[in-house]
Amino acid sequence: MTTAMWTIKGWSAVRTEQAAMLRTALDQPSLAIEVPSCPGWRLADLAQHVGRFAETVTGYLRTGSRLPLPPVPLPSGDPLAYFDERMAALADACDATPANNPVWTLSPAAPDLAWVWHRRVAHELNLRRWDAQAALHSLVPTEQDQAVDALDELLGTLLAARFDASPPEVGGTVLIACEDGPHWRVTLTPGRLPDVELAAPGEAADATLSGRPSSLLYQLWGRLPLPDDPLLRTLRMP
Protein backbone atom coordinates (compact mmCIF):
# COMPACT_ATOMS: atom_id res chain seq x y z
CA MET A 1 0.00 0.00 0.00
CA THR A 2 1.02 3.64 -0.36
CA THR A 3 1.11 6.35 2.25
CA ALA A 4 -0.47 9.76 2.62
CA MET A 5 1.48 12.34 0.64
CA TRP A 6 0.02 15.41 2.35
CA THR A 7 -0.84 16.46 5.90
CA ILE A 8 -4.05 17.52 7.58
CA LYS A 9 -3.18 21.17 6.89
CA GLY A 10 -3.15 20.57 3.14
CA TRP A 11 -6.38 18.55 3.19
CA SER A 12 -8.08 21.25 5.27
CA ALA A 13 -7.12 23.89 2.71
CA VAL A 14 -8.46 21.74 -0.14
CA ARG A 15 -11.67 21.06 1.80
CA THR A 16 -12.30 24.77 2.33
CA GLU A 17 -11.51 25.70 -1.28
CA GLN A 18 -13.50 22.90 -2.88
CA ALA A 19 -16.51 23.39 -0.60
CA ALA A 20 -16.64 27.06 -1.56
CA MET A 21 -16.43 26.32 -5.29
CA LEU A 22 -19.07 23.61 -5.01
CA ARG A 23 -21.41 25.93 -3.12
CA THR A 24 -20.96 28.58 -5.80
CA ALA A 25 -21.79 26.04 -8.50
CA LEU A 26 -24.94 25.02 -6.63
CA ASP A 27 -26.13 28.62 -6.37
CA GLN A 28 -28.42 28.37 -9.39
CA PRO A 29 -31.97 29.61 -10.04
CA SER A 30 -32.94 25.94 -10.34
CA LEU A 31 -31.33 22.79 -9.01
CA ALA A 32 -33.03 20.78 -11.76
CA ILE A 33 -29.97 21.06 -14.02
CA GLU A 34 -28.81 17.58 -15.04
CA VAL A 35 -25.38 16.32 -13.95
CA PRO A 36 -24.10 14.27 -16.93
CA SER A 37 -21.19 12.72 -15.00
CA CYS A 38 -23.71 11.21 -12.54
CA PRO A 39 -26.45 9.71 -14.77
CA GLY A 40 -29.92 10.29 -13.39
CA TRP A 41 -28.81 13.06 -11.03
CA ARG A 42 -29.64 16.74 -11.02
CA LEU A 43 -27.91 19.42 -8.98
CA ALA A 44 -30.45 18.81 -6.21
CA ASP A 45 -29.35 15.16 -5.99
CA LEU A 46 -25.71 16.22 -5.92
CA ALA A 47 -26.39 18.63 -3.06
CA GLN A 48 -28.20 15.90 -1.10
CA HIS A 49 -25.44 13.36 -1.76
CA VAL A 50 -22.73 15.69 -0.52
CA GLY A 51 -24.84 16.63 2.48
CA ARG A 52 -25.27 12.96 3.42
CA PHE A 53 -21.56 12.36 2.94
CA ALA A 54 -20.81 15.33 5.19
CA GLU A 55 -23.24 14.05 7.83
CA THR A 56 -21.67 10.60 7.70
CA VAL A 57 -18.11 11.87 8.19
CA THR A 58 -19.23 14.28 10.91
CA GLY A 59 -20.73 11.33 12.78
CA TYR A 60 -17.45 9.44 12.75
CA LEU A 61 -15.30 12.42 13.73
CA ARG A 62 -17.59 13.51 16.57
CA THR A 63 -18.20 10.07 18.07
CA GLY A 64 -14.85 8.43 17.38
CA SER A 65 -16.80 5.24 16.67
CA ARG A 66 -14.59 2.20 16.17
CA LEU A 67 -17.42 0.40 14.34
CA PRO A 68 -19.36 1.31 11.16
CA LEU A 69 -22.25 3.67 11.86
CA PRO A 70 -25.75 3.17 10.40
CA PRO A 71 -26.31 4.80 7.01
CA VAL A 72 -27.56 8.37 7.09
CA PRO A 73 -31.24 8.45 6.02
CA LEU A 74 -32.34 10.24 2.88
CA PRO A 75 -33.09 13.85 3.75
CA SER A 76 -36.31 15.70 3.01
CA GLY A 77 -36.89 19.38 2.43
CA ASP A 78 -34.69 21.96 0.72
CA PRO A 79 -31.54 20.25 -0.66
CA LEU A 80 -29.46 23.41 -0.48
CA ALA A 81 -30.43 24.18 3.12
CA TYR A 82 -29.52 20.59 4.03
CA PHE A 83 -26.19 20.94 2.20
CA ASP A 84 -25.34 24.18 4.01
CA GLU A 85 -26.23 22.79 7.44
CA ARG A 86 -24.27 19.57 7.03
CA MET A 87 -21.25 21.23 5.47
CA ALA A 88 -21.03 23.72 8.33
CA ALA A 89 -21.16 20.87 10.84
CA LEU A 90 -18.50 18.98 8.89
CA ALA A 91 -16.16 21.97 8.88
CA ASP A 92 -16.53 22.28 12.67
CA ALA A 93 -15.91 18.56 13.17
CA CYS A 94 -12.83 18.55 10.94
CA ASP A 95 -11.36 21.62 12.64
CA ALA A 96 -11.91 20.03 16.08
CA THR A 97 -10.51 16.56 15.30
CA PRO A 98 -6.74 15.89 15.40
CA ALA A 99 -5.28 13.73 12.66
CA ASN A 100 -4.28 10.88 14.98
CA ASN A 101 -7.65 10.44 16.75
CA PRO A 102 -8.74 6.77 16.60
CA VAL A 103 -11.90 6.18 14.55
CA TRP A 104 -13.27 3.57 12.16
CA THR A 105 -12.31 4.22 8.56
CA LEU A 106 -13.62 2.87 5.28
CA SER A 107 -10.76 0.73 3.99
CA PRO A 108 -8.81 -2.34 5.13
CA ALA A 109 -5.74 -0.68 3.59
CA ALA A 110 -5.99 2.42 5.82
CA PRO A 111 -5.35 2.89 9.54
CA ASP A 112 -8.29 3.65 11.82
CA LEU A 113 -7.21 7.26 12.32
CA ALA A 114 -9.03 10.51 11.67
CA TRP A 115 -6.59 11.75 9.02
CA VAL A 116 -8.08 9.18 6.63
CA TRP A 117 -11.42 11.02 6.86
CA HIS A 118 -9.77 14.43 6.50
CA ARG A 119 -8.18 13.18 3.28
CA ARG A 120 -11.39 11.57 2.03
CA VAL A 121 -13.34 14.79 2.60
CA ALA A 122 -10.86 16.88 0.61
CA HIS A 123 -10.89 14.62 -2.44
CA GLU A 124 -14.61 13.82 -2.37
CA LEU A 125 -15.42 17.52 -2.40
CA ASN A 126 -13.03 18.02 -5.30
CA LEU A 127 -14.76 15.25 -7.28
CA ARG A 128 -18.23 16.63 -6.58
CA ARG A 129 -17.12 20.16 -7.38
CA TRP A 130 -15.94 18.75 -10.74
CA ASP A 131 -19.35 17.15 -11.28
CA ALA A 132 -21.19 20.40 -10.59
CA GLN A 133 -18.89 22.58 -12.66
CA ALA A 134 -18.91 20.12 -15.57
CA ALA A 135 -22.70 20.26 -15.57
CA LEU A 136 -22.47 24.05 -15.86
CA HIS A 137 -19.61 24.01 -18.42
CA SER A 138 -17.44 26.02 -16.03
CA LEU A 139 -14.67 23.62 -15.03
CA VAL A 140 -11.73 24.90 -12.99
CA PRO A 141 -8.51 22.84 -13.40
CA THR A 142 -7.37 20.69 -10.48
CA GLU A 143 -3.94 21.46 -9.05
CA GLN A 144 -1.32 18.83 -9.93
CA ASP A 145 -0.20 18.14 -6.34
CA GLN A 146 -3.80 17.77 -5.24
CA ALA A 147 -4.55 15.35 -8.09
CA VAL A 148 -1.46 13.29 -7.20
CA ASP A 149 -2.60 12.90 -3.60
CA ALA A 150 -6.12 12.05 -4.75
CA LEU A 151 -4.68 9.35 -7.03
CA ASP A 152 -2.63 8.00 -4.14
CA GLU A 153 -5.79 7.79 -2.04
CA LEU A 154 -7.79 6.14 -4.82
CA LEU A 155 -5.17 3.49 -5.51
CA GLY A 156 -3.85 2.93 -2.00
CA THR A 157 -7.07 3.19 0.01
CA LEU A 158 -10.27 3.24 -2.04
CA LEU A 159 -9.45 0.27 -4.26
CA ALA A 160 -9.11 -1.95 -1.21
CA ALA A 161 -12.42 -0.63 0.15
CA ARG A 162 -14.12 -1.34 -3.15
CA PHE A 163 -12.81 -4.90 -3.39
CA ASP A 164 -13.03 -5.80 0.30
CA ALA A 165 -16.30 -7.72 -0.06
CA SER A 166 -15.76 -8.90 -3.64
CA PRO A 167 -12.09 -9.16 -4.75
CA PRO A 168 -11.23 -8.78 -8.45
CA GLU A 169 -11.72 -11.70 -10.80
CA VAL A 170 -8.88 -10.77 -13.17
CA GLY A 171 -5.12 -10.88 -12.70
CA GLY A 172 -2.26 -8.78 -14.00
CA THR A 173 -0.23 -5.64 -13.34
CA VAL A 174 -1.19 -2.07 -14.14
CA LEU A 175 1.15 0.91 -14.19
CA ILE A 176 -0.43 4.28 -13.42
CA ALA A 177 2.13 6.84 -14.58
CA CYS A 178 1.88 10.57 -13.90
CA GLU A 179 3.69 12.93 -16.23
CA ASP A 180 6.38 14.63 -14.11
CA GLY A 181 5.09 12.78 -11.06
CA PRO A 182 4.95 9.45 -9.23
CA HIS A 183 4.11 6.10 -10.77
CA TRP A 184 2.16 3.31 -9.09
CA ARG A 185 2.11 -0.41 -9.83
CA VAL A 186 -1.17 -2.16 -9.07
CA THR A 187 -1.01 -5.96 -8.94
CA LEU A 188 -4.36 -7.67 -9.38
CA THR A 189 -4.70 -11.27 -8.21
CA PRO A 190 -8.07 -13.08 -8.48
CA GLY A 191 -9.67 -13.46 -5.07
CA ARG A 192 -7.28 -11.06 -3.30
CA LEU A 193 -7.18 -7.36 -2.55
CA PRO A 194 -5.03 -5.36 -5.00
CA ASP A 195 -1.42 -4.76 -4.03
CA VAL A 196 -0.35 -1.15 -4.67
CA GLU A 197 3.24 0.09 -4.60
CA LEU A 198 5.15 3.07 -5.90
CA ALA A 199 6.90 2.12 -9.15
CA ALA A 200 9.90 3.24 -11.14
CA PRO A 201 9.40 5.10 -14.43
CA GLY A 202 9.39 2.74 -17.40
CA GLU A 203 8.57 -0.31 -15.31
CA ALA A 204 6.97 -3.12 -17.31
CA ALA A 205 3.27 -3.93 -16.75
CA ASP A 206 0.43 -5.71 -18.49
CA ALA A 207 -1.40 -2.39 -18.93
CA THR A 208 -0.33 1.23 -18.56
CA LEU A 209 -2.31 4.42 -18.05
CA SER A 210 -0.24 7.56 -18.37
CA GLY A 211 -0.91 11.27 -18.52
CA ARG A 212 -1.36 14.36 -16.40
CA PRO A 213 -2.34 13.56 -12.80
CA SER A 214 -5.73 15.25 -13.08
CA SER A 215 -6.54 13.39 -16.31
CA LEU A 216 -5.62 10.06 -14.72
CA LEU A 217 -7.71 10.89 -11.65
CA TYR A 218 -10.85 11.68 -13.62
CA GLN A 219 -10.35 8.72 -15.94
CA LEU A 220 -10.24 6.34 -12.98
CA TRP A 221 -13.31 8.03 -11.51
CA GLY A 222 -15.17 7.54 -14.80
CA ARG A 223 -15.38 11.25 -15.55
CA LEU A 224 -13.13 11.05 -18.62
CA PRO A 225 -12.88 8.20 -21.16
CA LEU A 226 -10.74 5.24 -20.11
CA PRO A 227 -8.98 3.00 -22.67
CA ASP A 228 -10.88 -0.20 -23.42
CA ASP A 229 -8.63 -2.57 -21.51
CA PRO A 230 -10.03 -5.13 -19.01
CA LEU A 231 -7.35 -4.43 -16.40
CA LEU A 232 -7.87 -0.67 -16.57
CA ARG A 233 -11.63 -1.12 -16.40
CA THR A 234 -11.15 -3.15 -13.23
CA LEU A 235 -9.55 -0.11 -11.56
CA ARG A 236 -12.35 2.25 -12.55
CA MET A 237 -14.23 3.44 -9.49
CA PRO A 238 -18.03 2.96 -9.61
C-alpha atoms as a PDB file:
ATOM      1  CA  MET A   1       0.000   0.000   0.000  1.00  0.00           C
ATOM      2  CA  THR A   2       1.020   3.638  -0.360  1.00  0.00           C
ATOM      3  CA  THR A   3       1.110   6.350   2.254  1.00  0.00           C
ATOM      4  CA  ALA A   4      -0.467   9.757   2.622  1.00  0.00           C
ATOM      5  CA  MET A   5       1.479  12.344   0.641  1.00  0.00           C
ATOM      6  CA  TRP A   6       0.018  15.413   2.352  1.00  0.00           C
ATOM      7  CA  THR A   7      -0.837  16.456   5.896  1.00  0.00           C
ATOM      8  CA  ILE A   8      -4.046  17.516   7.581  1.00  0.00           C
ATOM      9  CA  LYS A   9      -3.183  21.175   6.890  1.00  0.00           C
ATOM     10  CA  GLY A  10      -3.148  20.575   3.139  1.00  0.00           C
ATOM     11  CA  TRP A  11      -6.379  18.554   3.194  1.00  0.00           C
ATOM     12  CA  SER A  12      -8.081  21.248   5.267  1.00  0.00           C
ATOM     13  CA  ALA A  13      -7.116  23.894   2.711  1.00  0.00           C
ATOM     14  CA  VAL A  14      -8.457  21.742  -0.136  1.00  0.00           C
ATOM     15  CA  ARG A  15     -11.675  21.062   1.796  1.00  0.00           C
ATOM     16  CA  THR A  16     -12.296  24.772   2.326  1.00  0.00           C
ATOM     17  CA  GLU A  17     -11.510  25.696  -1.276  1.00  0.00           C
ATOM     18  CA  GLN A  18     -13.501  22.899  -2.882  1.00  0.00           C
ATOM     19  CA  ALA A  19     -16.508  23.385  -0.596  1.00  0.00           C
ATOM     20  CA  ALA A  20     -16.643  27.059  -1.562  1.00  0.00           C
ATOM     21  CA  MET A  21     -16.427  26.320  -5.285  1.00  0.00           C
ATOM     22  CA  LEU A  22     -19.072  23.610  -5.010  1.00  0.00           C
ATOM     23  CA  ARG A  23     -21.406  25.927  -3.121  1.00  0.00           C
ATOM     24  CA  THR A  24     -20.958  28.578  -5.804  1.00  0.00           C
ATOM     25  CA  ALA A  25     -21.787  26.041  -8.503  1.00  0.00           C
ATOM     26  CA  LEU A  26     -24.941  25.016  -6.631  1.00  0.00           C
ATOM     27  CA  ASP A  27     -26.127  28.624  -6.369  1.00  0.00           C
ATOM     28  CA  GLN A  28     -28.422  28.371  -9.395  1.00  0.00           C
ATOM     29  CA  PRO A  29     -31.970  29.610 -10.036  1.00  0.00           C
ATOM     30  CA  SER A  30     -32.944  25.939 -10.345  1.00  0.00           C
ATOM     31  CA  LEU A  31     -31.327  22.788  -9.009  1.00  0.00           C
ATOM     32  CA  ALA A  32     -33.029  20.779 -11.761  1.00  0.00           C
ATOM     33  CA  ILE A  33     -29.968  21.058 -14.024  1.00  0.00           C
ATOM     34  CA  GLU A  34     -28.810  17.584 -15.035  1.00  0.00           C
ATOM     35  CA  VAL A  35     -25.375  16.320 -13.951  1.00  0.00           C
ATOM     36  CA  PRO A  36     -24.096  14.275 -16.926  1.00  0.00           C
ATOM     37  CA  SER A  37     -21.194  12.723 -15.000  1.00  0.00           C
ATOM     38  CA  CYS A  38     -23.711  11.213 -12.545  1.00  0.00           C
ATOM     39  CA  PRO A  39     -26.450   9.714 -14.771  1.00  0.00           C
ATOM     40  CA  GLY A  40     -29.919  10.292 -13.392  1.00  0.00           C
ATOM     41  CA  TRP A  41     -28.805  13.057 -11.033  1.00  0.00           C
ATOM     42  CA  ARG A  42     -29.639  16.738 -11.018  1.00  0.00           C
ATOM     43  CA  LEU A  43     -27.907  19.416  -8.981  1.00  0.00           C
ATOM     44  CA  ALA A  44     -30.453  18.806  -6.211  1.00  0.00           C
ATOM     45  CA  ASP A  45     -29.355  15.161  -5.987  1.00  0.00           C
ATOM     46  CA  LEU A  46     -25.712  16.215  -5.916  1.00  0.00           C
ATOM     47  CA  ALA A  47     -26.390  18.632  -3.058  1.00  0.00           C
ATOM     48  CA  GLN A  48     -28.203  15.904  -1.099  1.00  0.00           C
ATOM     49  CA  HIS A  49     -25.443  13.363  -1.756  1.00  0.00           C
ATOM     50  CA  VAL A  50     -22.728  15.693  -0.522  1.00  0.00           C
ATOM     51  CA  GLY A  51     -24.841  16.632   2.480  1.00  0.00           C
ATOM     52  CA  ARG A  52     -25.271  12.962   3.419  1.00  0.00           C
ATOM     53  CA  PHE A  53     -21.557  12.364   2.938  1.00  0.00           C
ATOM     54  CA  ALA A  54     -20.811  15.335   5.193  1.00  0.00           C
ATOM     55  CA  GLU A  55     -23.241  14.049   7.833  1.00  0.00           C
ATOM     56  CA  THR A  56     -21.667  10.596   7.697  1.00  0.00           C
ATOM     57  CA  VAL A  57     -18.113  11.871   8.185  1.00  0.00           C
ATOM     58  CA  THR A  58     -19.234  14.281  10.914  1.00  0.00           C
ATOM     59  CA  GLY A  59     -20.728  11.326  12.781  1.00  0.00           C
ATOM     60  CA  TYR A  60     -17.451   9.438  12.752  1.00  0.00           C
ATOM     61  CA  LEU A  61     -15.302  12.421  13.728  1.00  0.00           C
ATOM     62  CA  ARG A  62     -17.594  13.505  16.565  1.00  0.00           C
ATOM     63  CA  THR A  63     -18.200  10.072  18.068  1.00  0.00           C
ATOM     64  CA  GLY A  64     -14.848   8.426  17.383  1.00  0.00           C
ATOM     65  CA  SER A  65     -16.801   5.238  16.666  1.00  0.00           C
ATOM     66  CA  ARG A  66     -14.590   2.199  16.174  1.00  0.00           C
ATOM     67  CA  LEU A  67     -17.424   0.398  14.336  1.00  0.00           C
ATOM     68  CA  PRO A  68     -19.362   1.313  11.165  1.00  0.00           C
ATOM     69  CA  LEU A  69     -22.249   3.673  11.864  1.00  0.00           C
ATOM     70  CA  PRO A  70     -25.751   3.165  10.401  1.00  0.00           C
ATOM     71  CA  PRO A  71     -26.306   4.805   7.008  1.00  0.00           C
ATOM     72  CA  VAL A  72     -27.564   8.373   7.087  1.00  0.00           C
ATOM     73  CA  PRO A  73     -31.238   8.446   6.017  1.00  0.00           C
ATOM     74  CA  LEU A  74     -32.342  10.244   2.884  1.00  0.00           C
ATOM     75  CA  PRO A  75     -33.090  13.848   3.752  1.00  0.00           C
ATOM     76  CA  SER A  76     -36.314  15.699   3.013  1.00  0.00           C
ATOM     77  CA  GLY A  77     -36.888  19.383   2.432  1.00  0.00           C
ATOM     78  CA  ASP A  78     -34.689  21.964   0.724  1.00  0.00           C
ATOM     79  CA  PRO A  79     -31.538  20.247  -0.657  1.00  0.00           C
ATOM     80  CA  LEU A  80     -29.458  23.414  -0.482  1.00  0.00           C
ATOM     81  CA  ALA A  81     -30.425  24.175   3.119  1.00  0.00           C
ATOM     82  CA  TYR A  82     -29.519  20.588   4.034  1.00  0.00           C
ATOM     83  CA  PHE A  83     -26.192  20.936   2.197  1.00  0.00           C
ATOM     84  CA  ASP A  84     -25.336  24.176   4.011  1.00  0.00           C
ATOM     85  CA  GLU A  85     -26.232  22.790   7.440  1.00  0.00           C
ATOM     86  CA  ARG A  86     -24.270  19.570   7.030  1.00  0.00           C
ATOM     87  CA  MET A  87     -21.249  21.230   5.467  1.00  0.00           C
ATOM     88  CA  ALA A  88     -21.032  23.725   8.331  1.00  0.00           C
ATOM     89  CA  ALA A  89     -21.163  20.866  10.841  1.00  0.00           C
ATOM     90  CA  LEU A  90     -18.504  18.980   8.892  1.00  0.00           C
ATOM     91  CA  ALA A  91     -16.162  21.971   8.880  1.00  0.00           C
ATOM     92  CA  ASP A  92     -16.535  22.282  12.670  1.00  0.00           C
ATOM     93  CA  ALA A  93     -15.913  18.558  13.173  1.00  0.00           C
ATOM     94  CA  CYS A  94     -12.831  18.551  10.939  1.00  0.00           C
ATOM     95  CA  ASP A  95     -11.364  21.616  12.641  1.00  0.00           C
ATOM     96  CA  ALA A  96     -11.909  20.032  16.075  1.00  0.00           C
ATOM     97  CA  THR A  97     -10.512  16.563  15.301  1.00  0.00           C
ATOM     98  CA  PRO A  98      -6.741  15.893  15.396  1.00  0.00           C
ATOM     99  CA  ALA A  99      -5.278  13.730  12.659  1.00  0.00           C
ATOM    100  CA  ASN A 100      -4.282  10.878  14.985  1.00  0.00           C
ATOM    101  CA  ASN A 101      -7.649  10.439  16.750  1.00  0.00           C
ATOM    102  CA  PRO A 102      -8.739   6.770  16.597  1.00  0.00           C
ATOM    103  CA  VAL A 103     -11.895   6.176  14.550  1.00  0.00           C
ATOM    104  CA  TRP A 104     -13.274   3.568  12.161  1.00  0.00           C
ATOM    105  CA  THR A 105     -12.313   4.220   8.555  1.00  0.00           C
ATOM    106  CA  LEU A 106     -13.623   2.873   5.283  1.00  0.00           C
ATOM    107  CA  SER A 107     -10.762   0.729   3.991  1.00  0.00           C
ATOM    108  CA  PRO A 108      -8.809  -2.340   5.130  1.00  0.00           C
ATOM    109  CA  ALA A 109      -5.744  -0.680   3.592  1.00  0.00           C
ATOM    110  CA  ALA A 110      -5.988   2.416   5.820  1.00  0.00           C
ATOM    111  CA  PRO A 111      -5.352   2.893   9.539  1.00  0.00           C
ATOM    112  CA  ASP A 112      -8.286   3.646  11.821  1.00  0.00           C
ATOM    113  CA  LEU A 113      -7.209   7.256  12.323  1.00  0.00           C
ATOM    114  CA  ALA A 114      -9.028  10.513  11.670  1.00  0.00           C
ATOM    115  CA  TRP A 115      -6.591  11.753   9.023  1.00  0.00           C
ATOM    116  CA  VAL A 116      -8.076   9.176   6.634  1.00  0.00           C
ATOM    117  CA  TRP A 117     -11.416  11.021   6.856  1.00  0.00           C
ATOM    118  CA  HIS A 118      -9.768  14.427   6.496  1.00  0.00           C
ATOM    119  CA  ARG A 119      -8.183  13.184   3.283  1.00  0.00           C
ATOM    120  CA  ARG A 120     -11.394  11.575   2.027  1.00  0.00           C
ATOM    121  CA  VAL A 121     -13.344  14.792   2.597  1.00  0.00           C
ATOM    122  CA  ALA A 122     -10.863  16.881   0.606  1.00  0.00           C
ATOM    123  CA  HIS A 123     -10.891  14.622  -2.435  1.00  0.00           C
ATOM    124  CA  GLU A 124     -14.605  13.817  -2.371  1.00  0.00           C
ATOM    125  CA  LEU A 125     -15.421  17.516  -2.402  1.00  0.00           C
ATOM    126  CA  ASN A 126     -13.029  18.023  -5.303  1.00  0.00           C
ATOM    127  CA  LEU A 127     -14.760  15.254  -7.276  1.00  0.00           C
ATOM    128  CA  ARG A 128     -18.234  16.630  -6.579  1.00  0.00           C
ATOM    129  CA  ARG A 129     -17.116  20.164  -7.382  1.00  0.00           C
ATOM    130  CA  TRP A 130     -15.935  18.753 -10.736  1.00  0.00           C
ATOM    131  CA  ASP A 131     -19.348  17.147 -11.280  1.00  0.00           C
ATOM    132  CA  ALA A 132     -21.187  20.395 -10.595  1.00  0.00           C
ATOM    133  CA  GLN A 133     -18.892  22.585 -12.661  1.00  0.00           C
ATOM    134  CA  ALA A 134     -18.906  20.123 -15.568  1.00  0.00           C
ATOM    135  CA  ALA A 135     -22.701  20.263 -15.575  1.00  0.00           C
ATOM    136  CA  LEU A 136     -22.469  24.053 -15.857  1.00  0.00           C
ATOM    137  CA  HIS A 137     -19.615  24.014 -18.424  1.00  0.00           C
ATOM    138  CA  SER A 138     -17.436  26.020 -16.027  1.00  0.00           C
ATOM    139  CA  LEU A 139     -14.665  23.617 -15.027  1.00  0.00           C
ATOM    140  CA  VAL A 140     -11.729  24.900 -12.988  1.00  0.00           C
ATOM    141  CA  PRO A 141      -8.512  22.841 -13.403  1.00  0.00           C
ATOM    142  CA  THR A 142      -7.373  20.692 -10.479  1.00  0.00           C
ATOM    143  CA  GLU A 143      -3.936  21.458  -9.052  1.00  0.00           C
ATOM    144  CA  GLN A 144      -1.324  18.827  -9.926  1.00  0.00           C
ATOM    145  CA  ASP A 145      -0.199  18.139  -6.343  1.00  0.00           C
ATOM    146  CA  GLN A 146      -3.799  17.773  -5.241  1.00  0.00           C
ATOM    147  CA  ALA A 147      -4.547  15.354  -8.089  1.00  0.00           C
ATOM    148  CA  VAL A 148      -1.465  13.294  -7.204  1.00  0.00           C
ATOM    149  CA  ASP A 149      -2.598  12.901  -3.601  1.00  0.00           C
ATOM    150  CA  ALA A 150      -6.120  12.047  -4.752  1.00  0.00           C
ATOM    151  CA  LEU A 151      -4.679   9.351  -7.029  1.00  0.00           C
ATOM    152  CA  ASP A 152      -2.626   7.998  -4.145  1.00  0.00           C
ATOM    153  CA  GLU A 153      -5.787   7.788  -2.035  1.00  0.00           C
ATOM    154  CA  LEU A 154      -7.788   6.142  -4.815  1.00  0.00           C
ATOM    155  CA  LEU A 155      -5.166   3.492  -5.507  1.00  0.00           C
ATOM    156  CA  GLY A 156      -3.846   2.932  -1.999  1.00  0.00           C
ATOM    157  CA  THR A 157      -7.071   3.194   0.014  1.00  0.00           C
ATOM    158  CA  LEU A 158     -10.265   3.237  -2.039  1.00  0.00           C
ATOM    159  CA  LEU A 159      -9.449   0.267  -4.264  1.00  0.00           C
ATOM    160  CA  ALA A 160      -9.114  -1.946  -1.206  1.00  0.00           C
ATOM    161  CA  ALA A 161     -12.416  -0.628   0.154  1.00  0.00           C
ATOM    162  CA  ARG A 162     -14.116  -1.337  -3.148  1.00  0.00           C
ATOM    163  CA  PHE A 163     -12.813  -4.902  -3.393  1.00  0.00           C
ATOM    164  CA  ASP A 164     -13.029  -5.804   0.297  1.00  0.00           C
ATOM    165  CA  ALA A 165     -16.298  -7.718  -0.059  1.00  0.00           C
ATOM    166  CA  SER A 166     -15.759  -8.899  -3.641  1.00  0.00           C
ATOM    167  CA  PRO A 167     -12.094  -9.162  -4.746  1.00  0.00           C
ATOM    168  CA  PRO A 168     -11.233  -8.776  -8.447  1.00  0.00           C
ATOM    169  CA  GLU A 169     -11.723 -11.702 -10.796  1.00  0.00           C
ATOM    170  CA  VAL A 170      -8.884 -10.769 -13.167  1.00  0.00           C
ATOM    171  CA  GLY A 171      -5.124 -10.882 -12.695  1.00  0.00           C
ATOM    172  CA  GLY A 172      -2.260  -8.779 -14.000  1.00  0.00           C
ATOM    173  CA  THR A 173      -0.234  -5.643 -13.338  1.00  0.00           C
ATOM    174  CA  VAL A 174      -1.189  -2.074 -14.142  1.00  0.00           C
ATOM    175  CA  LEU A 175       1.148   0.911 -14.189  1.00  0.00           C
ATOM    176  CA  ILE A 176      -0.429   4.279 -13.416  1.00  0.00           C
ATOM    177  CA  ALA A 177       2.126   6.836 -14.582  1.00  0.00           C
ATOM    178  CA  CYS A 178       1.876  10.573 -13.898  1.00  0.00           C
ATOM    179  CA  GLU A 179       3.687  12.932 -16.226  1.00  0.00           C
ATOM    180  CA  ASP A 180       6.375  14.629 -14.108  1.00  0.00           C
ATOM    181  CA  GLY A 181       5.087  12.784 -11.057  1.00  0.00           C
ATOM    182  CA  PRO A 182       4.946   9.453  -9.229  1.00  0.00           C
ATOM    183  CA  HIS A 183       4.108   6.099 -10.767  1.00  0.00           C
ATOM    184  CA  TRP A 184       2.161   3.310  -9.086  1.00  0.00           C
ATOM    185  CA  ARG A 185       2.112  -0.413  -9.827  1.00  0.00           C
ATOM    186  CA  VAL A 186      -1.173  -2.163  -9.071  1.00  0.00           C
ATOM    187  CA  THR A 187      -1.011  -5.955  -8.935  1.00  0.00           C
ATOM    188  CA  LEU A 188      -4.361  -7.675  -9.378  1.00  0.00           C
ATOM    189  CA  THR A 189      -4.705 -11.269  -8.208  1.00  0.00           C
ATOM    190  CA  PRO A 190      -8.067 -13.079  -8.475  1.00  0.00           C
ATOM    191  CA  GLY A 191      -9.670 -13.461  -5.068  1.00  0.00           C
ATOM    192  CA  ARG A 192      -7.282 -11.061  -3.305  1.00  0.00           C
ATOM    193  CA  LEU A 193      -7.181  -7.359  -2.552  1.00  0.00           C
ATOM    194  CA  PRO A 194      -5.026  -5.358  -4.997  1.00  0.00           C
ATOM    195  CA  ASP A 195      -1.420  -4.760  -4.031  1.00  0.00           C
ATOM    196  CA  VAL A 196      -0.347  -1.154  -4.673  1.00  0.00           C
ATOM    197  CA  GLU A 197       3.239   0.092  -4.602  1.00  0.00           C
ATOM    198  CA  LEU A 198       5.154   3.070  -5.895  1.00  0.00           C
ATOM    199  CA  ALA A 199       6.903   2.117  -9.149  1.00  0.00           C
ATOM    200  CA  ALA A 200       9.904   3.241 -11.139  1.00  0.00           C
ATOM    201  CA  PRO A 201       9.397   5.100 -14.434  1.00  0.00           C
ATOM    202  CA  GLY A 202       9.390   2.737 -17.399  1.00  0.00           C
ATOM    203  CA  GLU A 203       8.574  -0.306 -15.307  1.00  0.00           C
ATOM    204  CA  ALA A 204       6.966  -3.119 -17.307  1.00  0.00           C
ATOM    205  CA  ALA A 205       3.274  -3.928 -16.753  1.00  0.00           C
ATOM    206  CA  ASP A 206       0.431  -5.713 -18.491  1.00  0.00           C
ATOM    207  CA  ALA A 207      -1.401  -2.394 -18.934  1.00  0.00           C
ATOM    208  CA  THR A 208      -0.333   1.230 -18.564  1.00  0.00           C
ATOM    209  CA  LEU A 209      -2.312   4.417 -18.053  1.00  0.00           C
ATOM    210  CA  SER A 210      -0.237   7.564 -18.369  1.00  0.00           C
ATOM    211  CA  GLY A 211      -0.907  11.273 -18.523  1.00  0.00           C
ATOM    212  CA  ARG A 212      -1.358  14.363 -16.404  1.00  0.00           C
ATOM    213  CA  PRO A 213      -2.341  13.560 -12.804  1.00  0.00           C
ATOM    214  CA  SER A 214      -5.730  15.249 -13.076  1.00  0.00           C
ATOM    215  CA  SER A 215      -6.538  13.392 -16.306  1.00  0.00           C
ATOM    216  CA  LEU A 216      -5.624  10.059 -14.716  1.00  0.00           C
ATOM    217  CA  LEU A 217      -7.708  10.887 -11.655  1.00  0.00           C
ATOM    218  CA  TYR A 218     -10.846  11.676 -13.622  1.00  0.00           C
ATOM    219  CA  GLN A 219     -10.352   8.723 -15.944  1.00  0.00           C
ATOM    220  CA  LEU A 220     -10.236   6.337 -12.984  1.00  0.00           C
ATOM    221  CA  TRP A 221     -13.312   8.034 -11.506  1.00  0.00           C
ATOM    222  CA  GLY A 222     -15.172   7.539 -14.797  1.00  0.00           C
ATOM    223  CA  ARG A 223     -15.383  11.254 -15.552  1.00  0.00           C
ATOM    224  CA  LEU A 224     -13.130  11.051 -18.622  1.00  0.00           C
ATOM    225  CA  PRO A 225     -12.878   8.195 -21.156  1.00  0.00           C
ATOM    226  CA  LEU A 226     -10.743   5.238 -20.114  1.00  0.00           C
ATOM    227  CA  PRO A 227      -8.981   3.004 -22.673  1.00  0.00           C
ATOM    228  CA  ASP A 228     -10.881  -0.198 -23.421  1.00  0.00           C
ATOM    229  CA  ASP A 229      -8.633  -2.568 -21.506  1.00  0.00           C
ATOM    230  CA  PRO A 230     -10.026  -5.130 -19.015  1.00  0.00           C
ATOM    231  CA  LEU A 231      -7.349  -4.434 -16.401  1.00  0.00           C
ATOM    232  CA  LEU A 232      -7.867  -0.668 -16.571  1.00  0.00           C
ATOM    233  CA  ARG A 233     -11.629  -1.122 -16.404  1.00  0.00           C
ATOM    234  CA  THR A 234     -11.152  -3.150 -13.232  1.00  0.00           C
ATOM    235  CA  LEU A 235      -9.547  -0.115 -11.557  1.00  0.00           C
ATOM    236  CA  ARG A 236     -12.354   2.248 -12.552  1.00  0.00           C
ATOM    237  CA  MET A 237     -14.232   3.443  -9.491  1.00  0.00           C
ATOM    238  CA  PRO A 238     -18.032   2.959  -9.606  1.00  0.00           C
END
